[in-house]
PDB file of N, CA and C in Angstrom:
ATOM      1  N   MET A   1      -5.016   0.364   4.726  1.00  0.00           N
ATOM      2  CA  MET A   1      -6.010  -0.890   4.642  1.00  0.00           C
ATOM      3  C   MET A   1      -5.295  -1.944   5.257  1.00  0.00           C
ATOM      4  N   LEU A   2      -3.988  -2.014   4.957  1.00  0.00           N
ATOM      5  CA  LEU A   2      -3.028  -3.126   5.442  1.00  0.00           C
ATOM      6  C   LEU A   2      -2.629  -3.071   6.672  1.00  0.00           C
ATOM      7  N   GLY A   3      -2.720  -1.716   7.384  1.00  0.00           N
ATOM      8  CA  GLY A   3      -2.220  -1.553   8.727  1.00  0.00           C
ATOM      9  C   GLY A   3      -0.926  -1.823   8.769  1.00  0.00           C
ATOM     10  N   ILE A   4      -0.367  -1.153   7.755  1.00  0.00           N
ATOM     11  CA  ILE A   4       1.422  -1.127   8.126  1.00  0.00           C
ATOM     12  C   ILE A   4       1.696   0.448   8.065  1.00  0.00           C
ATOM     13  N   SER A   5       2.451   0.758   8.818  1.00  0.00           N
ATOM     14  CA  SER A   5       3.007   2.100   8.894  1.00  0.00           C
ATOM     15  C   SER A   5       4.062   2.523   7.667  1.00  0.00           C
ATOM     16  N   GLN A   6       4.214   3.616   7.596  1.00  0.00           N
ATOM     17  CA  GLN A   6       5.339   4.043   6.482  1.00  0.00           C
ATOM     18  C   GLN A   6       6.861   3.547   6.973  1.00  0.00           C
ATOM     19  N   LYS A   7       6.736   3.498   8.115  1.00  0.00           N
ATOM     20  CA  LYS A   7       8.320   2.904   8.650  1.00  0.00           C
ATOM     21  C   LYS A   7       8.365   1.251   8.197  1.00  0.00           C
ATOM     22  N   GLU A   8       7.183   0.626   8.488  1.00  0.00           N
ATOM     23  CA  GLU A   8       7.177  -0.649   8.155  1.00  0.00           C
ATOM     24  C   GLU A   8       7.335  -0.905   6.894  1.00  0.00           C
ATOM     25  N   LEU A   9       6.649  -0.228   5.860  1.00  0.00           N
ATOM     26  CA  LEU A   9       6.877  -0.156   4.458  1.00  0.00           C
ATOM     27  C   LEU A   9       8.189  -0.020   3.751  1.00  0.00           C
ATOM     28  N   CYS A  10       8.489   1.165   4.519  1.00  0.00           N
ATOM     29  CA  CYS A  10      10.069   1.642   4.100  1.00  0.00           C
ATOM     30  C   CYS A  10      11.106   0.479   4.486  1.00  0.00           C
ATOM     31  N   ALA A  11      10.925  -0.014   5.437  1.00  0.00           N
ATOM     32  CA  ALA A  11      12.010  -0.946   5.891  1.00  0.00           C
ATOM     33  C   ALA A  11      11.925  -2.368   4.948  1.00  0.00           C
ATOM     34  N   ASP A  12      10.712  -2.552   4.675  1.00  0.00           N
ATOM     35  CA  ASP A  12      10.585  -3.900   3.851  1.00  0.00           C
ATOM     36  C   ASP A  12      10.695  -3.554   2.218  1.00  0.00           C
ATOM     37  N   ALA A  13      10.708  -2.261   1.801  1.00  0.00           N
ATOM     38  CA  ALA A  13      10.867  -1.955   0.561  1.00  0.00           C
ATOM     39  C   ALA A  13      12.339  -1.388   0.387  1.00  0.00           C
ATOM     40  N   GLU A  14      13.151  -1.182   1.436  1.00  0.00           N
ATOM     41  CA  GLU A  14      14.353  -0.602   1.424  1.00  0.00           C
ATOM     42  C   GLU A  14      14.289   0.642   0.848  1.00  0.00           C
ATOM     43  N   CYS A  15      13.689   1.622   1.321  1.00  0.00           N
ATOM     44  CA  CYS A  15      13.564   2.934   1.047  1.00  0.00           C
ATOM     45  C   CYS A  15      13.336   4.131   2.098  1.00  0.00           C
ATOM     46  N   SER A  16      13.582   5.221   1.801  1.00  0.00           N
ATOM     47  CA  SER A  16      13.764   6.253   2.979  1.00  0.00           C
ATOM     48  C   SER A  16      12.219   6.549   2.983  1.00  0.00           C
ATOM     49  N   ARG A  17      11.830   7.169   4.302  1.00  0.00           N
ATOM     50  CA  ARG A  17      10.509   7.786   4.266  1.00  0.00           C
ATOM     51  C   ARG A  17      10.422   9.052   3.729  1.00  0.00           C
ATOM     52  N   LYS A  18      11.495   9.697   3.430  1.00  0.00           N
ATOM     53  CA  LYS A  18      11.253  10.963   2.594  1.00  0.00           C
ATOM     54  C   LYS A  18      10.857  10.578   1.172  1.00  0.00           C
ATOM     55  N   LEU A  19      11.447   9.673   0.694  1.00  0.00           N
ATOM     56  CA  LEU A  19      11.095   9.058  -0.585  1.00  0.00           C
ATOM     57  C   LEU A  19       9.657   8.535  -0.703  1.00  0.00           C
ATOM     58  N   LEU A  20       9.196   7.933   0.286  1.00  0.00           N
ATOM     59  CA  LEU A  20       7.821   7.536   0.452  1.00  0.00           C
ATOM     60  C   LEU A  20       6.876   8.776   0.579  1.00  0.00           C
ATOM     61  N   ASN A  21       7.163   9.618   1.534  1.00  0.00           N
ATOM     62  CA  ASN A  21       6.427  10.671   1.677  1.00  0.00           C
ATOM     63  C   ASN A  21       6.133  11.491   0.172  1.00  0.00           C
ATOM     64  N   ASP A  22       7.383  11.795  -0.301  1.00  0.00           N
ATOM     65  CA  ASP A  22       7.413  12.493  -1.742  1.00  0.00           C
ATOM     66  C   ASP A  22       6.710  12.010  -2.758  1.00  0.00           C
ATOM     67  N   PHE A  23       6.788  10.658  -2.580  1.00  0.00           N
ATOM     68  CA  PHE A  23       6.000   9.957  -3.681  1.00  0.00           C
ATOM     69  C   PHE A  23       4.204   9.967  -3.313  1.00  0.00           C
ATOM     70  N   GLU A  24       4.036   9.877  -2.275  1.00  0.00           N
ATOM     71  CA  GLU A  24       2.635   9.794  -1.759  1.00  0.00           C
ATOM     72  C   GLU A  24       1.901  11.316  -2.088  1.00  0.00           C
ATOM     73  N   ASN A  25       2.867  12.203  -1.980  1.00  0.00           N
ATOM     74  CA  ASN A  25       2.578  13.496  -2.161  1.00  0.00           C
ATOM     75  C   ASN A  25       2.479  14.091  -3.555  1.00  0.00           C
ATOM     76  N   GLY A  26       2.966  13.379  -4.403  1.00  0.00           N
ATOM     77  CA  GLY A  26       3.191  13.691  -5.895  1.00  0.00           C
ATOM     78  C   GLY A  26       4.362  14.631  -6.093  1.00  0.00           C
ATOM     79  N   ILE A  27       5.255  14.817  -5.172  1.00  0.00           N
ATOM     80  CA  ILE A  27       6.579  15.690  -5.246  1.00  0.00           C
ATOM     81  C   ILE A  27       7.652  15.097  -6.277  1.00  0.00           C
ATOM     82  N   ARG A  28       7.762  13.728  -5.950  1.00  0.00           N
ATOM     83  CA  ARG A  28       8.635  13.217  -7.249  1.00  0.00           C
ATOM     84  C   ARG A  28       8.218  11.876  -7.321  1.00  0.00           C
ATOM     85  N   ARG A  29       8.652  11.188  -8.324  1.00  0.00           N
ATOM     86  CA  ARG A  29       8.426   9.877  -8.798  1.00  0.00           C
ATOM     87  C   ARG A  29       9.656   8.967  -8.450  1.00  0.00           C
ATOM     88  N   PRO A  30       9.544   8.227  -7.750  1.00  0.00           N
ATOM     89  CA  PRO A  30      10.917   7.325  -7.457  1.00  0.00           C
ATOM     90  C   PRO A  30      11.384   6.650  -8.713  1.00  0.00           C
ATOM     91  N   HIS A  31      12.816   6.331  -8.564  1.00  0.00           N
ATOM     92  CA  HIS A  31      13.133   5.379  -9.711  1.00  0.00           C
ATOM     93  C   HIS A  31      12.547   4.074  -9.899  1.00  0.00           C
ATOM     94  N   ARG A  32      12.736   3.668 -10.806  1.00  0.00           N
ATOM     95  CA  ARG A  32      11.982   2.142 -11.386  1.00  0.00           C
ATOM     96  C   ARG A  32      12.101   1.011  -9.934  1.00  0.00           C
ATOM     97  N   ARG A  33      13.400   0.900  -9.799  1.00  0.00           N
ATOM     98  CA  ARG A  33      13.537  -0.106  -8.766  1.00  0.00           C
ATOM     99  C   ARG A  33      13.213   0.260  -7.209  1.00  0.00           C
ATOM    100  N   ASN A  34      13.083   1.615  -7.120  1.00  0.00           N
ATOM    101  CA  ASN A  34      12.241   1.818  -5.755  1.00  0.00           C
ATOM    102  C   ASN A  34      10.796   1.554  -5.882  1.00  0.00           C
ATOM    103  N   VAL A  35      10.352   1.980  -6.960  1.00  0.00           N
ATOM    104  CA  VAL A  35       8.987   1.676  -7.383  1.00  0.00           C
ATOM    105  C   VAL A  35       8.693   0.286  -7.265  1.00  0.00           C
ATOM    106  N   GLU A  36       9.506  -0.853  -7.843  1.00  0.00           N
ATOM    107  CA  GLU A  36       9.390  -2.165  -7.812  1.00  0.00           C
ATOM    108  C   GLU A  36       9.538  -2.641  -6.355  1.00  0.00           C
ATOM    109  N   ARG A  37      10.147  -2.101  -5.542  1.00  0.00           N
ATOM    110  CA  ARG A  37      10.432  -2.678  -4.238  1.00  0.00           C
ATOM    111  C   ARG A  37       9.339  -2.231  -3.442  1.00  0.00           C
ATOM    112  N   ILE A  38       8.690  -0.937  -3.562  1.00  0.00           N
ATOM    113  CA  ILE A  38       7.655  -0.641  -2.917  1.00  0.00           C
ATOM    114  C   ILE A  38       6.437  -1.496  -3.260  1.00  0.00           C
ATOM    115  N   ARG A  39       6.217  -1.676  -4.368  1.00  0.00           N
ATOM    116  CA  ARG A  39       4.890  -2.517  -4.916  1.00  0.00           C
ATOM    117  C   ARG A  39       5.258  -3.967  -4.404  1.00  0.00           C
ATOM    118  N   ALA A  40       6.569  -4.627  -4.604  1.00  0.00           N
ATOM    119  CA  ALA A  40       6.728  -5.854  -3.989  1.00  0.00           C
ATOM    120  C   ALA A  40       6.346  -6.002  -2.617  1.00  0.00           C
ATOM    121  N   ALA A  41       6.813  -4.854  -1.720  1.00  0.00           N
ATOM    122  CA  ALA A  41       6.525  -4.919  -0.148  1.00  0.00           C
ATOM    123  C   ALA A  41       4.850  -4.797   0.036  1.00  0.00           C
ATOM    124  N   LEU A  42       4.347  -4.010  -0.745  1.00  0.00           N
ATOM    125  CA  LEU A  42       2.833  -3.872  -0.682  1.00  0.00           C
ATOM    126  C   LEU A  42       2.143  -5.155  -0.918  1.00  0.00           C
ATOM    127  N   GLU A  43       2.696  -5.960  -2.034  1.00  0.00           N
ATOM    128  CA  GLU A  43       2.131  -7.110  -2.402  1.00  0.00           C
ATOM    129  C   GLU A  43       2.229  -8.182  -1.255  1.00  0.00           C
ATOM    130  N   THR A  44       3.253  -8.252  -0.894  1.00  0.00           N
ATOM    131  CA  THR A  44       3.898  -9.331   0.338  1.00  0.00           C
ATOM    132  C   THR A  44       2.931  -9.206   1.513  1.00  0.00           C
ATOM    133  N   ALA A  45       2.431  -7.839   1.708  1.00  0.00           N
ATOM    134  CA  ALA A  45       1.642  -7.227   2.650  1.00  0.00           C
ATOM    135  C   ALA A  45       0.235  -7.776   2.491  1.00  0.00           C
ATOM    136  N   GLY A  46      -0.412  -7.925   1.038  1.00  0.00           N
ATOM    137  CA  GLY A  46      -1.635  -8.365   0.943  1.00  0.00           C
ATOM    138  C   GLY A  46      -2.279  -7.712  -0.223  1.00  0.00           C
ATOM    139  N   ALA A  47      -1.611  -6.609  -0.791  1.00  0.00           N
ATOM    140  CA  ALA A  47      -2.200  -5.668  -1.715  1.00  0.00           C
ATOM    141  C   ALA A  47      -2.038  -6.497  -3.284  1.00  0.00           C
ATOM    142  N   SER A  48      -2.828  -6.203  -4.120  1.00  0.00           N
ATOM    143  CA  SER A  48      -2.977  -6.678  -5.431  1.00  0.00           C
ATOM    144  C   SER A  48      -2.964  -5.645  -6.394  1.00  0.00           C
ATOM    145  N   PHE A  49      -2.255  -5.341  -7.435  1.00  0.00           N
ATOM    146  CA  PHE A  49      -2.581  -4.303  -8.218  1.00  0.00           C
ATOM    147  C   PHE A  49      -3.197  -4.868  -9.676  1.00  0.00           C
ATOM    148  N   VAL A  50      -4.119  -3.927 -10.123  1.00  0.00           N
ATOM    149  CA  VAL A  50      -4.955  -4.283 -11.273  1.00  0.00           C
ATOM    150  C   VAL A  50      -4.532  -3.156 -12.395  1.00  0.00           C
ATOM    151  N   PHE A  51      -4.257  -3.594 -13.468  1.00  0.00           N
ATOM    152  CA  PHE A  51      -4.115  -2.637 -14.732  1.00  0.00           C
ATOM    153  C   PHE A  51      -5.163  -2.579 -15.711  1.00  0.00           C
ATOM    154  N   ASP A  52      -5.724  -1.575 -15.978  1.00  0.00           N
ATOM    155  CA  ASP A  52      -6.682  -1.528 -17.192  1.00  0.00           C
ATOM    156  C   ASP A  52      -6.311  -0.248 -18.023  1.00  0.00           C
ATOM    157  N   GLY A  53      -5.352  -0.438 -18.951  1.00  0.00           N
ATOM    158  CA  GLY A  53      -5.221   0.699 -19.846  1.00  0.00           C
ATOM    159  C   GLY A  53      -4.268   1.569 -19.052  1.00  0.00           C
ATOM    160  N   ALA A  54      -4.750   2.919 -19.071  1.00  0.00           N
ATOM    161  CA  ALA A  54      -3.974   3.992 -18.205  1.00  0.00           C
ATOM    162  C   ALA A  54      -4.498   3.838 -16.501  1.00  0.00           C
ATOM    163  N   LYS A  55      -5.255   3.252 -16.318  1.00  0.00           N
ATOM    164  CA  LYS A  55      -5.535   3.023 -14.832  1.00  0.00           C
ATOM    165  C   LYS A  55      -5.071   2.049 -14.064  1.00  0.00           C
ATOM    166  N   VAL A  56      -4.965   2.112 -12.939  1.00  0.00           N
ATOM    167  CA  VAL A  56      -4.342   0.969 -11.821  1.00  0.00           C
ATOM    168  C   VAL A  56      -5.361   1.034 -10.888  1.00  0.00           C
ATOM    169  N   GLY A  57      -5.800  -0.201 -10.501  1.00  0.00           N
ATOM    170  CA  GLY A  57      -6.441  -0.208  -9.119  1.00  0.00           C
ATOM    171  C   GLY A  57      -5.945  -1.204  -8.057  1.00  0.00           C
ATOM    172  N   VAL A  58      -6.117  -1.155  -6.720  1.00  0.00           N
ATOM    173  CA  VAL A  58      -5.354  -1.592  -5.735  1.00  0.00           C
ATOM    174  C   VAL A  58      -6.360  -2.288  -4.886  1.00  0.00           C
ATOM    175  N   LEU A  59      -6.370  -3.629  -4.958  1.00  0.00           N
ATOM    176  CA  LEU A  59      -7.463  -4.577  -4.270  1.00  0.00           C
ATOM    177  C   LEU A  59      -6.647  -5.347  -3.032  1.00  0.00           C
ATOM    178  N   VAL A  60      -7.505  -5.341  -1.887  1.00  0.00           N
ATOM    179  CA  VAL A  60      -7.009  -5.979  -0.693  1.00  0.00           C
ATOM    180  C   VAL A  60      -8.031  -7.080  -0.333  1.00  0.00           C
ATOM    181  N   ASP A  61      -7.472  -8.011  -0.068  1.00  0.00           N
ATOM    182  CA  ASP A  61      -8.398  -9.203   0.234  1.00  0.00           C
ATOM    183  C   ASP A  61      -8.870  -8.967   1.522  1.00  0.00           C
ATOM    184  N   PRO A  62     -10.249  -8.925   1.952  1.00  0.00           N
ATOM    185  CA  PRO A  62     -10.969  -8.754   3.287  1.00  0.00           C
ATOM    186  C   PRO A  62     -10.272  -9.341   4.282  1.00  0.00           C
ATOM    187  N   ALA A  63      -9.704 -10.506   4.158  1.00  0.00           N
ATOM    188  CA  ALA A  63      -9.294 -11.244   4.764  1.00  0.00           C
ATOM    189  C   ALA A  63      -7.935 -10.558   5.837  1.00  0.00           C
ATOM    190  N   ARG A  64      -7.182  -9.813   4.802  1.00  0.00           N
ATOM    191  CA  ARG A  64      -5.870  -9.233   5.050  1.00  0.00           C
ATOM    192  C   ARG A  64      -6.087  -7.821   5.563  1.00  0.00           C
ATOM    193  N   VAL A  65      -7.302  -7.206   5.464  1.00  0.00           N
ATOM    194  CA  VAL A  65      -7.777  -5.959   6.076  1.00  0.00           C
ATOM    195  C   VAL A  65      -7.468  -5.845   7.618  1.00  0.00           C
ATOM    196  N   SER A  66      -6.721  -4.760   7.856  1.00  0.00           N
ATOM    197  CA  SER A  66      -6.309  -4.612   9.284  1.00  0.00           C
ATOM    198  C   SER A  66      -7.473  -3.688   9.872  1.00  0.00           C
ATOM    199  N   SER A  67      -7.627  -3.821  11.273  1.00  0.00           N
ATOM    200  CA  SER A  67      -8.509  -3.030  12.010  1.00  0.00           C
ATOM    201  C   SER A  67      -7.358  -1.732  12.696  1.00  0.00           C
ATOM    202  N   ARG A  68      -6.322  -1.768  12.369  1.00  0.00           N
ATOM    203  CA  ARG A  68      -5.256  -0.530  12.722  1.00  0.00           C
ATOM    204  C   ARG A  68      -5.715   0.652  12.123  1.00  0.00           C
ATOM    205  N   THR A  69      -6.311   0.542  10.851  1.00  0.00           N
ATOM    206  CA  THR A  69      -6.853   1.828  10.260  1.00  0.00           C
ATOM    207  C   THR A  69      -8.087   2.102  10.203  1.00  0.00           C
ATOM    208  N   ALA A  70      -8.625   3.311   9.935  1.00  0.00           N
ATOM    209  CA  ALA A  70      -9.962   3.602   9.941  1.00  0.00           C
ATOM    210  C   ALA A  70     -10.724   2.812   8.806  1.00  0.00           C
ATOM    211  N   ARG A  71     -10.209   2.998   7.729  1.00  0.00           N
ATOM    212  CA  ARG A  71     -10.486   2.342   6.420  1.00  0.00           C
ATOM    213  C   ARG A  71     -10.758   0.784   6.660  1.00  0.00           C
ATOM    214  N   GLY A  72      -9.889   0.310   7.361  1.00  0.00           N
ATOM    215  CA  GLY A  72      -9.939  -1.182   7.629  1.00  0.00           C
ATOM    216  C   GLY A  72     -10.774  -1.588   8.544  1.00  0.00           C
ATOM    217  N   ARG A  73     -11.373  -0.877   9.462  1.00  0.00           N
ATOM    218  CA  ARG A  73     -12.328  -0.732  10.374  1.00  0.00           C
ATOM    219  C   ARG A  73     -13.620  -0.504   9.873  1.00  0.00           C
ATOM    220  N   THR A  74     -13.914   0.157   8.968  1.00  0.00           N
ATOM    221  CA  THR A  74     -15.098   0.435   7.946  1.00  0.00           C
ATOM    222  C   THR A  74     -15.280  -0.820   7.277  1.00  0.00           C
ATOM    223  N   MET A  75     -14.260  -1.370   6.647  1.00  0.00           N
ATOM    224  CA  MET A  75     -14.639  -2.538   5.874  1.00  0.00           C
ATOM    225  C   MET A  75     -15.133  -3.764   6.743  1.00  0.00           C
ATOM    226  N   GLY A  76     -14.350  -3.793   7.809  1.00  0.00           N
ATOM    227  CA  GLY A  76     -14.596  -4.995   8.795  1.00  0.00           C
ATOM    228  C   GLY A  76     -16.168  -4.855   9.343  1.00  0.00           C
ATOM    229  N   GLU A  77     -16.630  -3.497   9.355  1.00  0.00           N
ATOM    230  CA  GLU A  77     -18.135  -3.414   9.760  1.00  0.00           C
ATOM    231  C   GLU A  77     -19.007  -3.806   8.745  1.00  0.00           C
ATOM    232  N   ARG A  78     -18.645  -3.660   7.370  1.00  0.00           N
ATOM    233  CA  ARG A  78     -19.257  -4.118   6.183  1.00  0.00           C
ATOM    234  C   ARG A  78     -19.282  -5.706   6.162  1.00  0.00           C
ATOM    235  N   GLU A  79     -18.208  -6.324   6.404  1.00  0.00           N
ATOM    236  CA  GLU A  79     -18.256  -7.567   6.511  1.00  0.00           C
ATOM    237  C   GLU A  79     -18.995  -8.229   7.460  1.00  0.00           C
ATOM    238  N   SER A  80     -19.118  -7.613   8.485  1.00  0.00           N
ATOM    239  CA  SER A  80     -20.027  -8.320   9.648  1.00  0.00           C
ATOM    240  C   SER A  80     -21.446  -8.041   9.729  1.00  0.00           C
ATOM    241  N   ALA A  81     -21.746  -7.114   8.682  1.00  0.00           N
ATOM    242  CA  ALA A  81     -23.137  -6.762   8.649  1.00  0.00           C
ATOM    243  C   ALA A  81     -23.789  -7.772   7.654  1.00  0.00           C
TER     244      ALA A  81
END
């Protein structure tokens, strides 16, 4: 939804694409410092994390949603309707 690529996120978070891929696919959990850097990079890009007990939600300000992604384009359509 933010329109950033894995390559961009990894550069901002100073982590490898393999680590990010493995994390996204549930293959491994990164060390705490890597999780913190990924989270900080996503927050800088416009994501907000909401915690409620054992649940985590991710919010994106509609003004920061990118039309580079299918989900972002769909959200843009909702905003203009």
